[in-house]
Amino acid sequence: MQGPDRLLELCRGGRMRWSGEGWLAEPDEVVDALASEGFQECKREVARHPESHAQSGGVWQGLNTQTGAVASAVWVRGGDRSLVFIEIDGRRVDES
């Protein structure tokens, strides 16, 4: 994986794993990693199940004011971990 150091640390520590389509991870850990790399939160929304009100997914966007780069994380809740899709400046962050 190529990306910010904090995301690499999550991978190396087994906290984030590529699943073929996205990352199996805890969304808050991904967001915290991006924030620690200088991305300041611009938007955060959480989707909830209409009956149980449990979190079913969400979206986060951050801006690095020093570089102008934009990062986004979109997730769908499932099982132990969520499926998280990460982009930085429109480029998908994947296992390569």
Foldseek 3Di string as FASTA:
>chain_A
DDDQPQVVVCVVVVQWDADPPAIFHAVVSVVVSVVVVQWAWDDKDFDADPPPRHTQWIKTWTARVVVRKIKMWTWGDDDPTIGIWIDINNHTDHDD
